[in-house]
Amino acid sequence: MSCSDEYVYHNTQNNLINITPSLQAKLRKAKYGVFNHSAVELCHWTKKSFYDEGNCYKHKFYGISTHRCMEMTPTAMNCENRCIYCWRPTEFYDTLQMPEHLVDEPDAIIHQLLKERERLIMGFYGNDKSNKKKLDESLFPAHYAISLSGEPTMYPKLPNLIKYLKSLKNTKSVFLVTNGQEPEMINRLIKEDALPTQLYLSTNASNRKMFYRINRPKYKDAWDRWLTTLNILSQINTRTVLRITLIRNYNSDLNNIPEFVNIINKASPHFIEVKSYMHIGMSTNRLEHNNMLDVKEVREFTNTLQRNLQDYKIMDESEISRIVVLQNQKRYTNRWIKEYFEPNIKL
């Protein structure tokens, strides 16, 4: 079964931004699908879902169909930060600019990444343990997570990419994860009516010093850029999430909670996901196994945070992923996502 014919695209001029052949080879060996400056992957939970062995926390928290989730990025090796906890190869990130005339068109990216994703899925049909119905359905994604690697807001045609994804008949939702370094792009998404279903802002520091230590940004004004994005979230007309990744000896001390409370109050997000750093991938070269928190510690941090916030309640947790989520009761929206065009947002 092929999904490529469903998605119409037009040919673009030869692209001048490409991942180097040697790095492409490394990514493909790691089971990525690659197209010029974009990439796609079948995540751990998607593969487990094919075998009916569980679903990711996005399914548990928000109702996202794990096997029909396509995790992708238009900026595979482009990012303004070199975060110590990132399990991607940040050491290879080498550019801060993606000129509009040097990047692929959104429809070409999605068409090619769907083909790459289909290629990755085909191997599962030969395994008797695979749920063939799920495999068939997975070829037509219902959810797109723009988060795989790099920083997607660096892609200058991101508004059109999100609008294109929403135009596909099977699309139910689009998630976008940002490090907050491109507030102008977030404003463009607002102005061009191209907001994702759910917008995540990585929130890994409660003050400037901590921010530079953890995120190792390339921009000197990175903290100010991030604060600008944070403030935008308080008025944005889509679902918002602050994702706090806790790293022992860096940001997990309970004494940091008052500062985190101040940050949360500025953004008033609909959800707060508090999770432990996971000692996997390239992050193992920068951090130790002991930098991970166990789920009890994540619960303790989240419970303490909740007691210091006025409008939030514990919504759910995923023990295996070491994550607890808080829900805003004042700026309330239904946790379950039905259709991307049916927002239930309270500003």
C-alpha atoms as a PDB file:
ATOM      1  CA  MET A   1       0.000   0.000   0.000  1.00  0.00           C
ATOM      2  CA  SER A   2       1.360   3.415  -0.905  1.00  0.00           C
ATOM      3  CA  CYS A   3       0.476   6.790   0.567  1.00  0.00           C
ATOM      4  CA  SER A   4       2.517   9.009  -1.734  1.00  0.00           C
ATOM      5  CA  ASP A   5      -0.139   9.503  -4.423  1.00  0.00           C
ATOM      6  CA  GLU A   6      -2.523  11.143  -1.948  1.00  0.00           C
ATOM      7  CA  TYR A   7      -0.239  14.097  -1.294  1.00  0.00           C
ATOM      8  CA  VAL A   8       0.167  16.400  -4.287  1.00  0.00           C
ATOM      9  CA  TYR A   9       3.357  18.413  -4.588  1.00  0.00           C
ATOM     10  CA  HIS A  10       5.306  20.314  -7.208  1.00  0.00           C
ATOM     11  CA  ASN A  11       8.994  20.037  -8.073  1.00  0.00           C
ATOM     12  CA  THR A  12      11.275  22.735  -6.711  1.00  0.00           C
ATOM     13  CA  GLN A  13      14.612  24.055  -7.869  1.00  0.00           C
ATOM     14  CA  ASN A  14      17.735  22.204  -6.779  1.00  0.00           C
ATOM     15  CA  ASN A  15      18.101  22.718  -3.057  1.00  0.00           C
ATOM     16  CA  LEU A  16      21.261  24.346  -1.766  1.00  0.00           C
ATOM     17  CA  ILE A  17      20.853  23.415   1.901  1.00  0.00           C
ATOM     18  CA  ASN A  18      21.637  19.759   2.426  1.00  0.00           C
ATOM     19  CA  ILE A  19      22.840  17.491   5.190  1.00  0.00           C
ATOM     20  CA  THR A  20      26.299  16.302   4.222  1.00  0.00           C
ATOM     21  CA  PRO A  21      26.487  12.799   2.666  1.00  0.00           C
ATOM     22  CA  SER A  22      28.540  11.438   5.566  1.00  0.00           C
ATOM     23  CA  LEU A  23      26.042  12.689   8.145  1.00  0.00           C
ATOM     24  CA  GLN A  24      23.126  11.489   6.011  1.00  0.00           C
ATOM     25  CA  ALA A  25      24.704   8.034   6.098  1.00  0.00           C
ATOM     26  CA  LYS A  26      24.931   8.171   9.893  1.00  0.00           C
ATOM     27  CA  LEU A  27      21.309   9.278  10.174  1.00  0.00           C
ATOM     28  CA  ARG A  28      20.080   6.556   7.830  1.00  0.00           C
ATOM     29  CA  LYS A  29      22.065   3.976   9.792  1.00  0.00           C
ATOM     30  CA  ALA A  30      20.204   5.242  12.879  1.00  0.00           C
ATOM     31  CA  LYS A  31      16.906   4.590  11.009  1.00  0.00           C
ATOM     32  CA  TYR A  32      16.120   8.154   9.991  1.00  0.00           C
ATOM     33  CA  GLY A  33      14.550   9.048   6.689  1.00  0.00           C
ATOM     34  CA  VAL A  34      16.356  12.042   5.197  1.00  0.00           C
ATOM     35  CA  PHE A  35      15.492  14.568   2.477  1.00  0.00           C
ATOM     36  CA  ASN A  36      17.915  17.457   2.002  1.00  0.00           C
ATOM     37  CA  HIS A  37      17.548  19.497   5.240  1.00  0.00           C
ATOM     38  CA  SER A  38      14.515  17.547   6.557  1.00  0.00           C
ATOM     39  CA  ALA A  39      14.137  14.223   8.346  1.00  0.00           C
ATOM     40  CA  VAL A  40      11.597  11.737   9.685  1.00  0.00           C
ATOM     41  CA  GLU A  41      11.829   8.851  12.140  1.00  0.00           C
ATOM     42  CA  LEU A  42       9.701   6.090  13.612  1.00  0.00           C
ATOM     43  CA  CYS A  43       9.977   6.722  17.321  1.00  0.00           C
ATOM     44  CA  HIS A  44      10.302   4.028  19.983  1.00  0.00           C
ATOM     45  CA  TRP A  45       6.602   4.195  20.846  1.00  0.00           C
ATOM     46  CA  THR A  46       5.415   4.051  17.244  1.00  0.00           C
ATOM     47  CA  LYS A  47       7.307   0.785  16.817  1.00  0.00           C
ATOM     48  CA  LYS A  48       5.900  -0.606  20.067  1.00  0.00           C
ATOM     49  CA  SER A  49       2.422   0.380  18.926  1.00  0.00           C
ATOM     50  CA  PHE A  50       2.867  -1.688  15.760  1.00  0.00           C
ATOM     51  CA  TYR A  51       3.302  -4.706  18.047  1.00  0.00           C
ATOM     52  CA  ASP A  52       0.413  -3.688  20.352  1.00  0.00           C
ATOM     53  CA  GLU A  53       2.925  -3.211  23.159  1.00  0.00           C
ATOM     54  CA  GLY A  54       1.827   0.231  24.310  1.00  0.00           C
ATOM     55  CA  ASN A  55       1.387   3.864  23.301  1.00  0.00           C
ATOM     56  CA  CYS A  56       3.300   7.045  24.032  1.00  0.00           C
ATOM     57  CA  TYR A  57       2.270   9.598  26.637  1.00  0.00           C
ATOM     58  CA  LYS A  58       0.796  11.885  23.940  1.00  0.00           C
ATOM     59  CA  HIS A  59      -1.839   9.192  23.460  1.00  0.00           C
ATOM     60  CA  LYS A  60      -2.412   8.840  27.204  1.00  0.00           C
ATOM     61  CA  PHE A  61      -2.548  12.586  27.846  1.00  0.00           C
ATOM     62  CA  TYR A  62      -4.216  13.980  24.718  1.00  0.00           C
ATOM     63  CA  GLY A  63      -5.632  11.093  22.682  1.00  0.00           C
ATOM     64  CA  ILE A  64      -3.058  11.164  19.870  1.00  0.00           C
ATOM     65  CA  SER A  65      -2.985   7.955  17.812  1.00  0.00           C
ATOM     66  CA  THR A  66       0.571   6.668  18.298  1.00  0.00           C
ATOM     67  CA  HIS A  67       0.816   4.536  15.160  1.00  0.00           C
ATOM     68  CA  ARG A  68      -0.540   7.369  13.021  1.00  0.00           C
ATOM     69  CA  CYS A  69       1.854   9.961  14.435  1.00  0.00           C
ATOM     70  CA  MET A  70       4.575  11.220  12.077  1.00  0.00           C
ATOM     71  CA  GLU A  71       7.528  12.746  13.899  1.00  0.00           C
ATOM     72  CA  MET A  72       9.441  14.960  11.515  1.00  0.00           C
ATOM     73  CA  THR A  73      11.497  18.116  11.160  1.00  0.00           C
ATOM     74  CA  PRO A  74      12.264  20.592   8.365  1.00  0.00           C
ATOM     75  CA  THR A  75      15.501  21.526  10.167  1.00  0.00           C
ATOM     76  CA  ALA A  76      17.269  18.266  10.889  1.00  0.00           C
ATOM     77  CA  MET A  77      20.712  19.730  11.578  1.00  0.00           C
ATOM     78  CA  ASN A  78      19.877  23.368  12.289  1.00  0.00           C
ATOM     79  CA  CYS A  79      19.490  24.758  15.796  1.00  0.00           C
ATOM     80  CA  GLU A  80      20.461  27.859  17.771  1.00  0.00           C
ATOM     81  CA  ASN A  81      21.146  25.861  20.958  1.00  0.00           C
ATOM     82  CA  ARG A  82      23.472  23.025  21.934  1.00  0.00           C
ATOM     83  CA  CYS A  83      21.439  21.709  24.868  1.00  0.00           C
ATOM     84  CA  ILE A  84      23.344  19.365  27.162  1.00  0.00           C
ATOM     85  CA  TYR A  85      20.338  17.042  27.563  1.00  0.00           C
ATOM     86  CA  CYS A  86      19.525  16.721  23.848  1.00  0.00           C
ATOM     87  CA  TRP A  87      19.840  13.165  22.591  1.00  0.00           C
ATOM     88  CA  ARG A  88      20.385  14.416  19.042  1.00  0.00           C
ATOM     89  CA  PRO A  89      23.850  15.106  17.551  1.00  0.00           C
ATOM     90  CA  THR A  90      23.965  18.812  18.384  1.00  0.00           C
ATOM     91  CA  GLU A  91      27.709  18.769  17.805  1.00  0.00           C
ATOM     92  CA  PHE A  92      26.949  18.687  14.073  1.00  0.00           C
ATOM     93  CA  TYR A  93      24.623  21.717  14.119  1.00  0.00           C
ATOM     94  CA  ASP A  94      26.568  24.311  12.164  1.00  0.00           C
ATOM     95  CA  THR A  95      24.276  27.070  10.890  1.00  0.00           C
ATOM     96  CA  LEU A  96      22.014  29.758  12.334  1.00  0.00           C
ATOM     97  CA  GLN A  97      20.450  30.882   9.056  1.00  0.00           C
ATOM     98  CA  MET A  98      18.166  29.190   6.535  1.00  0.00           C
ATOM     99  CA  PRO A  99      17.601  31.706   3.699  1.00  0.00           C
ATOM    100  CA  GLU A 100      14.151  31.293   2.198  1.00  0.00           C
ATOM    101  CA  HIS A 101      15.432  30.864  -1.366  1.00  0.00           C
ATOM    102  CA  LEU A 102      17.682  27.971  -0.278  1.00  0.00           C
ATOM    103  CA  VAL A 103      15.097  25.692   1.354  1.00  0.00           C
ATOM    104  CA  ASP A 104      12.600  23.147   0.072  1.00  0.00           C
ATOM    105  CA  GLU A 105       8.923  23.925  -0.354  1.00  0.00           C
ATOM    106  CA  PRO A 106       6.593  22.485   2.340  1.00  0.00           C
ATOM    107  CA  ASP A 107       4.726  20.172  -0.036  1.00  0.00           C
ATOM    108  CA  ALA A 108       7.979  18.721  -1.371  1.00  0.00           C
ATOM    109  CA  ILE A 109       9.220  18.112   2.177  1.00  0.00           C
ATOM    110  CA  ILE A 110       6.067  16.294   3.245  1.00  0.00           C
ATOM    111  CA  HIS A 111       5.828  14.282   0.017  1.00  0.00           C
ATOM    112  CA  GLN A 112       9.414  13.077   0.323  1.00  0.00           C
ATOM    113  CA  LEU A 113       9.288  12.421   4.062  1.00  0.00           C
ATOM    114  CA  LEU A 114       6.099  10.406   3.644  1.00  0.00           C
ATOM    115  CA  LYS A 115       7.964   8.248   1.148  1.00  0.00           C
ATOM    116  CA  GLU A 116      10.870   7.900   3.568  1.00  0.00           C
ATOM    117  CA  ARG A 117       8.506   7.028   6.396  1.00  0.00           C
ATOM    118  CA  GLU A 118       6.732   4.461   4.221  1.00  0.00           C
ATOM    119  CA  ARG A 119      10.096   2.874   3.479  1.00  0.00           C
ATOM    120  CA  LEU A 120      10.788   2.590   7.216  1.00  0.00           C
ATOM    121  CA  ILE A 121       7.358   1.060   7.866  1.00  0.00           C
ATOM    122  CA  MET A 122       7.565  -1.578   5.117  1.00  0.00           C
ATOM    123  CA  GLY A 123      10.023  -3.703   7.080  1.00  0.00           C
ATOM    124  CA  PHE A 124       7.439  -4.273   9.812  1.00  0.00           C
ATOM    125  CA  TYR A 125       5.070  -6.082   7.433  1.00  0.00           C
ATOM    126  CA  GLY A 126       7.418  -9.082   7.457  1.00  0.00           C
ATOM    127  CA  ASN A 127       7.117  -9.533  11.208  1.00  0.00           C
ATOM    128  CA  ASP A 128       4.295 -11.836  12.336  1.00  0.00           C
ATOM    129  CA  LYS A 129       3.989  -9.867  15.584  1.00  0.00           C
ATOM    130  CA  SER A 130       2.995  -6.694  13.724  1.00  0.00           C
ATOM    131  CA  ASN A 131      -0.596  -5.493  13.719  1.00  0.00           C
ATOM    132  CA  LYS A 132      -1.175  -5.275   9.954  1.00  0.00           C
ATOM    133  CA  LYS A 133      -4.244  -3.047  10.351  1.00  0.00           C
ATOM    134  CA  LYS A 134      -2.179  -0.536  12.291  1.00  0.00           C
ATOM    135  CA  LEU A 135       0.563  -0.689   9.694  1.00  0.00           C
ATOM    136  CA  ASP A 136      -1.938   0.069   6.924  1.00  0.00           C
ATOM    137  CA  GLU A 137      -3.362   2.983   8.915  1.00  0.00           C
ATOM    138  CA  SER A 138       0.082   4.309   9.793  1.00  0.00           C
ATOM    139  CA  LEU A 139       0.786   5.041   6.130  1.00  0.00           C
ATOM    140  CA  PHE A 140      -1.750   7.872   6.352  1.00  0.00           C
ATOM    141  CA  PRO A 141      -0.691  10.006   9.346  1.00  0.00           C
ATOM    142  CA  ALA A 142      -3.371  11.712  11.410  1.00  0.00           C
ATOM    143  CA  HIS A 143      -0.925  13.542  13.660  1.00  0.00           C
ATOM    144  CA  TYR A 144       2.272  15.422  12.870  1.00  0.00           C
ATOM    145  CA  ALA A 145       4.856  16.187  15.555  1.00  0.00           C
ATOM    146  CA  ILE A 146       7.251  18.819  14.244  1.00  0.00           C
ATOM    147  CA  SER A 147       9.969  18.182  16.778  1.00  0.00           C
ATOM    148  CA  LEU A 148      12.328  15.421  15.726  1.00  0.00           C
ATOM    149  CA  SER A 149      15.658  17.239  15.552  1.00  0.00           C
ATOM    150  CA  GLY A 150      16.942  20.793  15.251  1.00  0.00           C
ATOM    151  CA  GLU A 151      14.731  23.862  15.731  1.00  0.00           C
ATOM    152  CA  PRO A 152      11.725  23.946  13.366  1.00  0.00           C
ATOM    153  CA  THR A 153      11.052  27.673  13.789  1.00  0.00           C
ATOM    154  CA  MET A 154      14.291  28.316  11.877  1.00  0.00           C
ATOM    155  CA  TYR A 155      12.590  27.020   8.727  1.00  0.00           C
ATOM    156  CA  PRO A 156      11.441  30.219   6.969  1.00  0.00           C
ATOM    157  CA  LYS A 157       8.405  28.597   5.342  1.00  0.00           C
ATOM    158  CA  LEU A 158       7.037  27.082   8.558  1.00  0.00           C
ATOM    159  CA  PRO A 159       3.635  28.871   8.332  1.00  0.00           C
ATOM    160  CA  ASN A 160       3.002  27.328   4.934  1.00  0.00           C
ATOM    161  CA  LEU A 161       4.244  23.945   6.150  1.00  0.00           C
ATOM    162  CA  ILE A 162       1.722  23.900   8.997  1.00  0.00           C
ATOM    163  CA  LYS A 163      -1.088  25.110   6.741  1.00  0.00           C
ATOM    164  CA  TYR A 164      -0.194  22.424   4.210  1.00  0.00           C
ATOM    165  CA  LEU A 165      -0.274  19.710   6.876  1.00  0.00           C
ATOM    166  CA  LYS A 166      -3.687  20.938   8.023  1.00  0.00           C
ATOM    167  CA  SER A 167      -4.969  20.780   4.444  1.00  0.00           C
ATOM    168  CA  LEU A 168      -4.337  17.038   4.159  1.00  0.00           C
ATOM    169  CA  LYS A 169      -7.592  15.149   4.566  1.00  0.00           C
ATOM    170  CA  ASN A 170      -6.353  12.726   7.248  1.00  0.00           C
ATOM    171  CA  THR A 171      -4.805  15.348   9.511  1.00  0.00           C
ATOM    172  CA  LYS A 172      -6.329  15.637  12.963  1.00  0.00           C
ATOM    173  CA  SER A 173      -3.605  17.589  14.758  1.00  0.00           C
ATOM    174  CA  VAL A 174      -0.191  19.214  14.425  1.00  0.00           C
ATOM    175  CA  PHE A 175       2.186  19.685  17.365  1.00  0.00           C
ATOM    176  CA  LEU A 176       5.129  22.076  17.235  1.00  0.00           C
ATOM    177  CA  VAL A 177       7.997  22.068  19.742  1.00  0.00           C
ATOM    178  CA  THR A 178      10.190  25.168  19.952  1.00  0.00           C
ATOM    179  CA  ASN A 179      13.163  26.314  21.996  1.00  0.00           C
ATOM    180  CA  GLY A 180      11.798  29.870  21.902  1.00  0.00           C
ATOM    181  CA  GLN A 181      14.715  31.418  20.045  1.00  0.00           C
ATOM    182  CA  GLU A 182      12.636  32.691  17.128  1.00  0.00           C
ATOM    183  CA  PRO A 183       9.788  34.775  18.610  1.00  0.00           C
ATOM    184  CA  GLU A 184       9.335  36.539  15.269  1.00  0.00           C
ATOM    185  CA  MET A 185       8.376  33.222  13.702  1.00  0.00           C
ATOM    186  CA  ILE A 186       5.812  32.581  16.458  1.00  0.00           C
ATOM    187  CA  ASN A 187       4.320  35.988  15.663  1.00  0.00           C
ATOM    188  CA  ARG A 188       4.270  35.062  11.981  1.00  0.00           C
ATOM    189  CA  LEU A 189       2.336  31.893  12.783  1.00  0.00           C
ATOM    190  CA  ILE A 190      -0.235  34.060  14.542  1.00  0.00           C
ATOM    191  CA  LYS A 191      -0.477  36.677  11.797  1.00  0.00           C
ATOM    192  CA  GLU A 192      -0.609  34.125   8.975  1.00  0.00           C
ATOM    193  CA  ASP A 193      -3.262  31.963  10.680  1.00  0.00           C
ATOM    194  CA  ALA A 194      -0.844  29.053  10.812  1.00  0.00           C
ATOM    195  CA  LEU A 195      -0.766  28.093  14.481  1.00  0.00           C
ATOM    196  CA  PRO A 196      -0.305  24.408  15.307  1.00  0.00           C
ATOM    197  CA  THR A 197      -2.901  22.514  17.296  1.00  0.00           C
ATOM    198  CA  GLN A 198      -0.533  22.498  20.255  1.00  0.00           C
ATOM    199  CA  LEU A 199       2.581  24.607  20.798  1.00  0.00           C
ATOM    200  CA  TYR A 200       5.323  23.414  23.145  1.00  0.00           C
ATOM    201  CA  LEU A 201       7.947  25.704  24.624  1.00  0.00           C
ATOM    202  CA  SER A 202      11.000  23.972  26.096  1.00  0.00           C
ATOM    203  CA  THR A 203      11.348  25.386  29.616  1.00  0.00           C
ATOM    204  CA  ASN A 204      14.479  23.991  31.194  1.00  0.00           C
ATOM    205  CA  ALA A 205      15.737  26.895  33.274  1.00  0.00           C
ATOM    206  CA  SER A 206      14.237  29.252  35.831  1.00  0.00           C
ATOM    207  CA  ASN A 207      16.824  32.032  35.453  1.00  0.00           C
ATOM    208  CA  ARG A 208      19.347  33.440  32.998  1.00  0.00           C
ATOM    209  CA  LYS A 209      22.437  31.720  34.441  1.00  0.00           C
ATOM    210  CA  MET A 210      20.747  28.329  34.462  1.00  0.00           C
ATOM    211  CA  PHE A 211      19.446  28.894  30.927  1.00  0.00           C
ATOM    212  CA  TYR A 212      22.908  29.435  29.462  1.00  0.00           C
ATOM    213  CA  ARG A 213      24.374  26.515  31.393  1.00  0.00           C
ATOM    214  CA  ILE A 214      21.763  24.022  30.187  1.00  0.00           C
ATOM    215  CA  ASN A 215      20.883  25.256  26.698  1.00  0.00           C
ATOM    216  CA  ARG A 216      24.307  26.537  25.622  1.00  0.00           C
ATOM    217  CA  PRO A 217      22.774  28.925  23.088  1.00  0.00           C
ATOM    218  CA  LYS A 218      24.632  30.517  20.189  1.00  0.00           C
ATOM    219  CA  TYR A 219      22.762  33.813  20.444  1.00  0.00           C
ATOM    220  CA  LYS A 220      24.063  36.217  23.081  1.00  0.00           C
ATOM    221  CA  ASP A 221      20.526  37.491  23.710  1.00  0.00           C
ATOM    222  CA  ALA A 222      19.073  33.976  23.909  1.00  0.00           C
ATOM    223  CA  TRP A 223      17.444  34.476  27.333  1.00  0.00           C
ATOM    224  CA  ASP A 224      15.658  37.620  26.135  1.00  0.00           C
ATOM    225  CA  ARG A 225      14.510  35.833  22.977  1.00  0.00           C
ATOM    226  CA  TRP A 226      13.118  33.014  25.071  1.00  0.00           C
ATOM    227  CA  LEU A 227      11.321  35.403  27.439  1.00  0.00           C
ATOM    228  CA  THR A 228       9.708  37.137  24.459  1.00  0.00           C
ATOM    229  CA  THR A 229       8.338  33.814  23.251  1.00  0.00           C
ATOM    230  CA  LEU A 230       7.185  32.973  26.785  1.00  0.00           C
ATOM    231  CA  ASN A 231       5.168  36.177  26.967  1.00  0.00           C
ATOM    232  CA  ILE A 232       3.551  35.504  23.579  1.00  0.00           C
ATOM    233  CA  LEU A 233       2.127  32.246  24.924  1.00  0.00           C
ATOM    234  CA  SER A 234      -0.115  34.046  27.399  1.00  0.00           C
ATOM    235  CA  GLN A 235      -2.319  35.425  24.592  1.00  0.00           C
ATOM    236  CA  ILE A 236      -1.888  32.950  21.770  1.00  0.00           C
ATOM    237  CA  ASN A 237      -5.061  31.329  20.416  1.00  0.00           C
ATOM    238  CA  THR A 238      -3.997  27.716  20.450  1.00  0.00           C
ATOM    239  CA  ARG A 239      -3.169  25.036  23.010  1.00  0.00           C
ATOM    240  CA  THR A 240       0.105  25.742  24.814  1.00  0.00           C
ATOM    241  CA  VAL A 241       2.471  23.589  26.842  1.00  0.00           C
ATOM    242  CA  LEU A 242       5.551  24.362  28.901  1.00  0.00           C
ATOM    243  CA  ARG A 243       7.788  21.290  28.887  1.00  0.00           C
ATOM    244  CA  ILE A 244      10.155  21.240  31.873  1.00  0.00           C
ATOM    245  CA  THR A 245      12.946  18.694  31.543  1.00  0.00           C
ATOM    246  CA  LEU A 246      14.466  18.074  34.968  1.00  0.00           C
ATOM    247  CA  ILE A 247      18.199  17.343  35.168  1.00  0.00           C
ATOM    248  CA  ARG A 248      19.752  16.452  38.490  1.00  0.00           C
ATOM    249  CA  ASN A 249      22.393  18.963  39.639  1.00  0.00           C
ATOM    250  CA  TYR A 250      21.186  21.484  37.049  1.00  0.00           C
ATOM    251  CA  ASN A 251      17.557  22.529  37.597  1.00  0.00           C
ATOM    252  CA  SER A 252      15.744  19.943  39.751  1.00  0.00           C
ATOM    253  CA  ASP A 253      16.357  21.477  43.171  1.00  0.00           C
ATOM    254  CA  LEU A 254      13.067  22.305  44.880  1.00  0.00           C
ATOM    255  CA  ASN A 255      14.510  25.724  45.738  1.00  0.00           C
ATOM    256  CA  ASN A 256      14.123  26.626  42.054  1.00  0.00           C
ATOM    257  CA  ILE A 257      10.355  26.236  42.180  1.00  0.00           C
ATOM    258  CA  PRO A 258       9.487  29.881  43.064  1.00  0.00           C
ATOM    259  CA  GLU A 259      11.342  31.017  39.943  1.00  0.00           C
ATOM    260  CA  PHE A 260       9.566  28.395  37.836  1.00  0.00           C
ATOM    261  CA  VAL A 261       6.251  29.598  39.284  1.00  0.00           C
ATOM    262  CA  ASN A 262       7.008  33.139  38.104  1.00  0.00           C
ATOM    263  CA  ILE A 263       7.778  31.857  34.623  1.00  0.00           C
ATOM    264  CA  ILE A 264       4.610  29.767  34.476  1.00  0.00           C
ATOM    265  CA  ASN A 265       2.464  32.691  35.601  1.00  0.00           C
ATOM    266  CA  LYS A 266       3.835  34.824  32.774  1.00  0.00           C
ATOM    267  CA  ALA A 267       2.835  32.296  30.123  1.00  0.00           C
ATOM    268  CA  SER A 268      -0.299  30.801  31.714  1.00  0.00           C
ATOM    269  CA  PRO A 269       0.019  27.655  29.564  1.00  0.00           C
ATOM    270  CA  HIS A 270      -2.843  25.211  29.219  1.00  0.00           C
ATOM    271  CA  PHE A 271      -0.572  22.352  30.274  1.00  0.00           C
ATOM    272  CA  ILE A 272       2.777  21.869  32.014  1.00  0.00           C
ATOM    273  CA  GLU A 273       4.671  18.677  31.322  1.00  0.00           C
ATOM    274  CA  VAL A 274       7.325  17.945  33.950  1.00  0.00           C
ATOM    275  CA  LYS A 275       9.632  15.135  32.923  1.00  0.00           C
ATOM    276  CA  SER A 276      12.981  13.675  33.762  1.00  0.00           C
ATOM    277  CA  TYR A 277      15.986  13.933  31.491  1.00  0.00           C
ATOM    278  CA  MET A 278      16.584  10.529  29.893  1.00  0.00           C
ATOM    279  CA  HIS A 279      20.148   9.229  29.558  1.00  0.00           C
ATOM    280  CA  ILE A 280      20.004   8.185  25.921  1.00  0.00           C
ATOM    281  CA  GLY A 281      21.524   9.017  22.559  1.00  0.00           C
ATOM    282  CA  MET A 282      24.219  11.661  22.237  1.00  0.00           C
ATOM    283  CA  SER A 283      23.341  13.130  25.636  1.00  0.00           C
ATOM    284  CA  THR A 284      25.279  10.260  27.227  1.00  0.00           C
ATOM    285  CA  ASN A 285      28.466  12.021  26.083  1.00  0.00           C
ATOM    286  CA  ARG A 286      27.537  15.140  28.055  1.00  0.00           C
ATOM    287  CA  LEU A 287      25.674  13.919  31.133  1.00  0.00           C
ATOM    288  CA  GLU A 288      25.768  10.979  33.528  1.00  0.00           C
ATOM    289  CA  HIS A 289      23.165   8.328  34.242  1.00  0.00           C
ATOM    290  CA  ASN A 290      22.747   9.872  37.688  1.00  0.00           C
ATOM    291  CA  ASN A 291      21.470  13.091  36.098  1.00  0.00           C
ATOM    292  CA  MET A 292      18.151  11.299  35.528  1.00  0.00           C
ATOM    293  CA  LEU A 293      15.415  11.560  38.140  1.00  0.00           C
ATOM    294  CA  ASP A 294      13.215   8.627  39.060  1.00  0.00           C
ATOM    295  CA  VAL A 295       9.475   9.051  38.718  1.00  0.00           C
ATOM    296  CA  LYS A 296       9.020   9.586  42.473  1.00  0.00           C
ATOM    297  CA  GLU A 297      11.292  12.604  42.306  1.00  0.00           C
ATOM    298  CA  VAL A 298       9.408  13.960  39.293  1.00  0.00           C
ATOM    299  CA  ARG A 299       6.164  13.562  41.249  1.00  0.00           C
ATOM    300  CA  GLU A 300       7.653  15.373  44.247  1.00  0.00           C
ATOM    301  CA  PHE A 301       8.821  18.284  42.101  1.00  0.00           C
ATOM    302  CA  THR A 302       5.470  18.494  40.287  1.00  0.00           C
ATOM    303  CA  ASN A 303       3.405  18.254  43.471  1.00  0.00           C
ATOM    304  CA  THR A 304       5.464  21.010  45.071  1.00  0.00           C
ATOM    305  CA  LEU A 305       5.113  23.111  41.933  1.00  0.00           C
ATOM    306  CA  GLN A 306       1.350  22.564  41.898  1.00  0.00           C
ATOM    307  CA  ARG A 307       1.005  23.642  45.535  1.00  0.00           C
ATOM    308  CA  ASN A 308       2.683  26.932  44.639  1.00  0.00           C
ATOM    309  CA  LEU A 309       0.428  27.574  41.630  1.00  0.00           C
ATOM    310  CA  GLN A 310      -3.123  28.846  42.002  1.00  0.00           C
ATOM    311  CA  ASP A 311      -4.831  27.511  38.903  1.00  0.00           C
ATOM    312  CA  TYR A 312      -3.289  24.103  38.147  1.00  0.00           C
ATOM    313  CA  LYS A 313      -4.187  20.537  39.034  1.00  0.00           C
ATOM    314  CA  ILE A 314      -2.408  17.242  38.373  1.00  0.00           C
ATOM    315  CA  MET A 315      -4.004  15.892  35.196  1.00  0.00           C
ATOM    316  CA  ASP A 316      -2.158  12.634  34.530  1.00  0.00           C
ATOM    317  CA  GLU A 317       1.211  10.929  34.515  1.00  0.00           C
ATOM    318  CA  SER A 318       3.226   8.346  32.618  1.00  0.00           C
ATOM    319  CA  GLU A 319       5.389   6.364  34.990  1.00  0.00           C
ATOM    320  CA  ILE A 320       7.411   4.647  32.264  1.00  0.00           C
ATOM    321  CA  SER A 321       8.241   8.002  30.642  1.00  0.00           C
ATOM    322  CA  ARG A 322       8.828   9.681  34.037  1.00  0.00           C
ATOM    323  CA  ILE A 323       6.484  12.538  33.271  1.00  0.00           C
ATOM    324  CA  VAL A 324       3.646  14.263  35.138  1.00  0.00           C
ATOM    325  CA  VAL A 325       1.323  16.800  33.519  1.00  0.00           C
ATOM    326  CA  LEU A 326      -0.494  19.726  35.131  1.00  0.00           C
ATOM    327  CA  GLN A 327      -3.616  21.295  33.624  1.00  0.00           C
ATOM    328  CA  ASN A 328      -4.641  24.942  33.860  1.00  0.00           C
ATOM    329  CA  GLN A 329      -8.098  25.157  35.432  1.00  0.00           C
ATOM    330  CA  LYS A 330      -8.571  28.868  34.775  1.00  0.00           C
ATOM    331  CA  ARG A 331      -7.385  28.996  31.181  1.00  0.00           C
ATOM    332  CA  TYR A 332      -9.065  25.676  30.526  1.00  0.00           C
ATOM    333  CA  THR A 333      -9.223  23.554  27.394  1.00  0.00           C
ATOM    334  CA  ASN A 334     -10.300  19.948  26.969  1.00  0.00           C
ATOM    335  CA  ARG A 335      -7.281  17.658  27.196  1.00  0.00           C
ATOM    336  CA  TRP A 336      -8.596  15.409  24.395  1.00  0.00           C
ATOM    337  CA  ILE A 337      -7.806  16.495  20.851  1.00  0.00           C
ATOM    338  CA  LYS A 338     -10.512  15.756  18.291  1.00  0.00           C
ATOM    339  CA  GLU A 339      -9.916  17.922  15.225  1.00  0.00           C
ATOM    340  CA  TYR A 340      -7.350  20.629  14.589  1.00  0.00           C
ATOM    341  CA  PHE A 341     -10.107  22.985  13.425  1.00  0.00           C
ATOM    342  CA  GLU A 342     -12.185  22.626  16.584  1.00  0.00           C
ATOM    343  CA  PRO A 343     -10.298  24.698  19.175  1.00  0.00           C
ATOM    344  CA  ASN A 344     -11.717  25.017  22.669  1.00  0.00           C
ATOM    345  CA  ILE A 345      -9.349  27.650  23.945  1.00  0.00           C
ATOM    346  CA  LYS A 346      -9.946  30.052  26.801  1.00  0.00           C
ATOM    347  CA  LEU A 347      -7.739  33.129  26.546  1.00  0.00           C
END
